[in-house]
Amino acid sequence: MTYSVINIDREILGGTPVFSGTRVPIQVLFDYIENNETLEEFLENFPSVSKEHALQVLHVAEKFITSEKVLNKNLG
């Protein structure tokens, strides 16, 4: 699995995880979802993020939170 869609660099927003090639924090996507806004609304407001990249980030999050090994290590 590749995480190349996520960039963490101290020179970009102090190391906040962002979509690669942008200054858009990954957290913003989750804020949109939390506020019942659609992926399309997010993409309209952040045109520098491609739909493919947004979906890849969601896939990474899904794999992380559905991994029994990760859950047992962090929540067990």
N, C-alpha and C. Protein backbone atom coordinates (compact mmCIF):
# COMPACT_ATOMS: atom_id res chain seq x y z
N MET A 1 0.86 -1.18 0.00
CA MET A 1 0.00 0.00 0.00
C MET A 1 0.90 1.23 0.00
N THR A 2 0.54 2.21 -0.79
CA THR A 2 1.35 3.42 -0.88
C THR A 2 0.65 4.60 -0.22
N TYR A 3 1.45 5.42 0.44
CA TYR A 3 0.91 6.61 1.08
C TYR A 3 1.41 7.86 0.36
N SER A 4 1.81 7.71 -0.89
CA SER A 4 2.40 8.82 -1.63
C SER A 4 1.41 9.97 -1.85
N VAL A 5 0.15 9.74 -1.63
CA VAL A 5 -0.86 10.79 -1.78
C VAL A 5 -0.83 11.74 -0.58
N ILE A 6 -0.17 11.33 0.50
CA ILE A 6 -0.08 12.13 1.72
C ILE A 6 1.36 12.62 1.87
N ASN A 7 1.50 13.92 2.10
CA ASN A 7 2.82 14.50 2.29
C ASN A 7 2.91 15.11 3.68
N ILE A 8 4.01 14.79 4.38
CA ILE A 8 4.28 15.38 5.68
C ILE A 8 5.67 15.99 5.60
N ASP A 9 5.71 17.31 5.67
CA ASP A 9 6.96 18.05 5.50
C ASP A 9 6.92 19.24 6.45
N ARG A 10 7.93 19.36 7.29
CA ARG A 10 7.97 20.46 8.26
C ARG A 10 7.88 21.83 7.60
N GLU A 11 8.29 21.92 6.35
CA GLU A 11 8.28 23.19 5.63
C GLU A 11 6.89 23.53 5.09
N ILE A 12 5.98 22.58 5.10
CA ILE A 12 4.61 22.80 4.61
C ILE A 12 3.66 22.69 5.79
N LEU A 13 3.09 23.81 6.18
CA LEU A 13 2.14 23.88 7.30
C LEU A 13 2.68 23.23 8.56
N GLY A 14 3.97 23.38 8.78
CA GLY A 14 4.58 22.88 10.01
C GLY A 14 4.54 21.37 10.18
N GLY A 15 4.42 20.64 9.09
CA GLY A 15 4.39 19.18 9.16
C GLY A 15 3.00 18.57 9.22
N THR A 16 1.98 19.41 9.09
CA THR A 16 0.61 18.89 9.04
C THR A 16 0.47 18.01 7.80
N PRO A 17 -0.10 16.82 7.92
CA PRO A 17 -0.30 15.98 6.73
C PRO A 17 -1.21 16.69 5.71
N VAL A 18 -0.72 16.78 4.47
CA VAL A 18 -1.46 17.43 3.40
C VAL A 18 -1.55 16.48 2.21
N PHE A 19 -2.45 16.79 1.29
CA PHE A 19 -2.50 16.07 0.03
C PHE A 19 -1.24 16.42 -0.75
N SER A 20 -0.53 15.43 -1.25
CA SER A 20 0.71 15.66 -1.98
C SER A 20 0.50 16.67 -3.11
N GLY A 21 1.45 17.58 -3.23
CA GLY A 21 1.40 18.58 -4.28
C GLY A 21 0.50 19.76 -3.96
N THR A 22 -0.04 19.80 -2.72
CA THR A 22 -0.94 20.88 -2.32
C THR A 22 -0.56 21.35 -0.92
N ARG A 23 -1.28 22.35 -0.46
CA ARG A 23 -1.18 22.78 0.94
C ARG A 23 -2.51 22.52 1.65
N VAL A 24 -3.28 21.58 1.13
CA VAL A 24 -4.60 21.26 1.70
C VAL A 24 -4.43 20.15 2.74
N PRO A 25 -4.68 20.47 4.01
CA PRO A 25 -4.56 19.45 5.05
C PRO A 25 -5.54 18.30 4.84
N ILE A 26 -5.07 17.10 5.10
CA ILE A 26 -5.92 15.90 5.03
C ILE A 26 -7.13 16.07 5.95
N GLN A 27 -6.93 16.67 7.10
CA GLN A 27 -7.99 16.86 8.10
C GLN A 27 -9.20 17.57 7.51
N VAL A 28 -8.98 18.44 6.54
CA VAL A 28 -10.10 19.19 5.96
C VAL A 28 -11.10 18.24 5.31
N LEU A 29 -10.62 17.19 4.66
CA LEU A 29 -11.53 16.21 4.05
C LEU A 29 -12.40 15.56 5.12
N PHE A 30 -11.80 15.18 6.24
CA PHE A 30 -12.56 14.55 7.31
C PHE A 30 -13.51 15.53 7.98
N ASP A 31 -13.12 16.81 8.04
CA ASP A 31 -14.02 17.83 8.57
C ASP A 31 -15.26 17.96 7.69
N TYR A 32 -15.08 17.91 6.38
CA TYR A 32 -16.22 17.97 5.47
C TYR A 32 -17.16 16.80 5.71
N ILE A 33 -16.59 15.61 5.80
CA ILE A 33 -17.41 14.41 6.02
C ILE A 33 -18.14 14.51 7.35
N GLU A 34 -17.44 14.95 8.37
CA GLU A 34 -18.04 15.08 9.70
C GLU A 34 -19.20 16.07 9.69
N ASN A 35 -19.12 17.07 8.85
CA ASN A 35 -20.17 18.09 8.76
C ASN A 35 -21.22 17.76 7.69
N ASN A 36 -21.28 16.48 7.30
CA ASN A 36 -22.28 15.99 6.33
C ASN A 36 -22.20 16.67 4.98
N GLU A 37 -21.00 17.11 4.62
CA GLU A 37 -20.81 17.67 3.28
C GLU A 37 -20.29 16.55 2.39
N THR A 38 -20.53 16.68 1.11
CA THR A 38 -20.18 15.61 0.18
C THR A 38 -18.74 15.73 -0.31
N LEU A 39 -18.26 14.63 -0.84
CA LEU A 39 -16.94 14.63 -1.46
C LEU A 39 -16.90 15.65 -2.59
N GLU A 40 -17.99 15.74 -3.33
CA GLU A 40 -18.05 16.68 -4.45
C GLU A 40 -17.92 18.13 -3.95
N GLU A 41 -18.53 18.44 -2.82
CA GLU A 41 -18.41 19.79 -2.25
C GLU A 41 -16.95 20.06 -1.85
N PHE A 42 -16.33 19.08 -1.24
CA PHE A 42 -14.92 19.22 -0.88
C PHE A 42 -14.08 19.49 -2.12
N LEU A 43 -14.28 18.69 -3.15
CA LEU A 43 -13.49 18.83 -4.37
C LEU A 43 -13.74 20.17 -5.07
N GLU A 44 -14.97 20.65 -5.02
CA GLU A 44 -15.27 21.97 -5.60
C GLU A 44 -14.51 23.07 -4.88
N ASN A 45 -14.42 22.97 -3.56
CA ASN A 45 -13.77 24.00 -2.77
C ASN A 45 -12.25 23.88 -2.74
N PHE A 46 -11.74 22.70 -3.09
CA PHE A 46 -10.29 22.47 -3.10
C PHE A 46 -9.91 21.81 -4.43
N PRO A 47 -9.96 22.59 -5.51
CA PRO A 47 -9.71 22.03 -6.84
C PRO A 47 -8.30 21.48 -7.05
N SER A 48 -7.37 21.81 -6.16
CA SER A 48 -6.02 21.27 -6.30
C SER A 48 -5.94 19.81 -5.86
N VAL A 49 -7.00 19.32 -5.22
CA VAL A 49 -7.06 17.91 -4.79
C VAL A 49 -7.90 17.15 -5.81
N SER A 50 -7.34 16.09 -6.36
CA SER A 50 -8.09 15.29 -7.32
C SER A 50 -9.01 14.31 -6.59
N LYS A 51 -10.04 13.89 -7.28
CA LYS A 51 -10.95 12.91 -6.70
C LYS A 51 -10.19 11.63 -6.37
N GLU A 52 -9.28 11.25 -7.26
CA GLU A 52 -8.49 10.03 -7.04
C GLU A 52 -7.69 10.14 -5.74
N HIS A 53 -7.07 11.29 -5.49
CA HIS A 53 -6.29 11.46 -4.27
C HIS A 53 -7.18 11.43 -3.02
N ALA A 54 -8.33 12.07 -3.10
CA ALA A 54 -9.25 12.05 -1.96
C ALA A 54 -9.70 10.63 -1.66
N LEU A 55 -10.01 9.87 -2.69
CA LEU A 55 -10.44 8.49 -2.49
C LEU A 55 -9.31 7.63 -1.95
N GLN A 56 -8.08 7.89 -2.38
CA GLN A 56 -6.94 7.14 -1.86
C GLN A 56 -6.74 7.41 -0.36
N VAL A 57 -6.91 8.66 0.05
CA VAL A 57 -6.78 8.99 1.47
C VAL A 57 -7.86 8.28 2.28
N LEU A 58 -9.08 8.28 1.76
CA LEU A 58 -10.16 7.57 2.45
C LEU A 58 -9.87 6.08 2.54
N HIS A 59 -9.27 5.54 1.50
CA HIS A 59 -8.92 4.12 1.49
C HIS A 59 -7.85 3.82 2.55
N VAL A 60 -6.85 4.70 2.64
CA VAL A 60 -5.81 4.54 3.67
C VAL A 60 -6.45 4.57 5.05
N ALA A 61 -7.35 5.52 5.28
CA ALA A 61 -8.02 5.62 6.57
C ALA A 61 -8.83 4.36 6.85
N GLU A 62 -9.53 3.87 5.84
CA GLU A 62 -10.32 2.64 6.01
C GLU A 62 -9.43 1.47 6.41
N LYS A 63 -8.31 1.31 5.72
CA LYS A 63 -7.41 0.20 6.03
C LYS A 63 -6.85 0.33 7.44
N PHE A 64 -6.56 1.55 7.85
CA PHE A 64 -6.01 1.78 9.18
C PHE A 64 -7.03 1.42 10.26
N ILE A 65 -8.25 1.90 10.12
CA ILE A 65 -9.22 1.70 11.19
C ILE A 65 -9.90 0.33 11.15
N THR A 66 -9.72 -0.41 10.08
CA THR A 66 -10.30 -1.75 10.02
C THR A 66 -9.26 -2.84 10.22
N SER A 67 -8.03 -2.43 10.46
CA SER A 67 -6.96 -3.40 10.70
C SER A 67 -7.00 -3.84 12.16
N GLU A 68 -7.26 -5.11 12.37
CA GLU A 68 -7.33 -5.63 13.74
C GLU A 68 -6.00 -5.42 14.47
N LYS A 69 -4.90 -5.59 13.76
CA LYS A 69 -3.58 -5.41 14.38
C LYS A 69 -3.42 -3.97 14.87
N VAL A 70 -3.77 -3.02 14.03
CA VAL A 70 -3.65 -1.61 14.40
C VAL A 70 -4.58 -1.28 15.55
N LEU A 71 -5.81 -1.75 15.49
CA LEU A 71 -6.77 -1.46 16.55
C LEU A 71 -6.33 -2.05 17.88
N ASN A 72 -5.86 -3.29 17.86
CA ASN A 72 -5.41 -3.92 19.11
C ASN A 72 -4.20 -3.20 19.70
N LYS A 73 -3.30 -2.74 18.84
CA LYS A 73 -2.10 -2.04 19.31
C LYS A 73 -2.47 -0.68 19.90
N ASN A 74 -3.38 0.05 19.27
CA ASN A 74 -3.67 1.41 19.67
C ASN A 74 -4.86 1.55 20.62
N LEU A 75 -5.76 0.60 20.62
CA LEU A 75 -6.95 0.73 21.45
C LEU A 75 -7.08 -0.40 22.47
N GLY A 76 -6.26 -1.42 22.33
CA GLY A 76 -6.38 -2.60 23.18
C GLY A 76 -5.83 -2.48 24.53
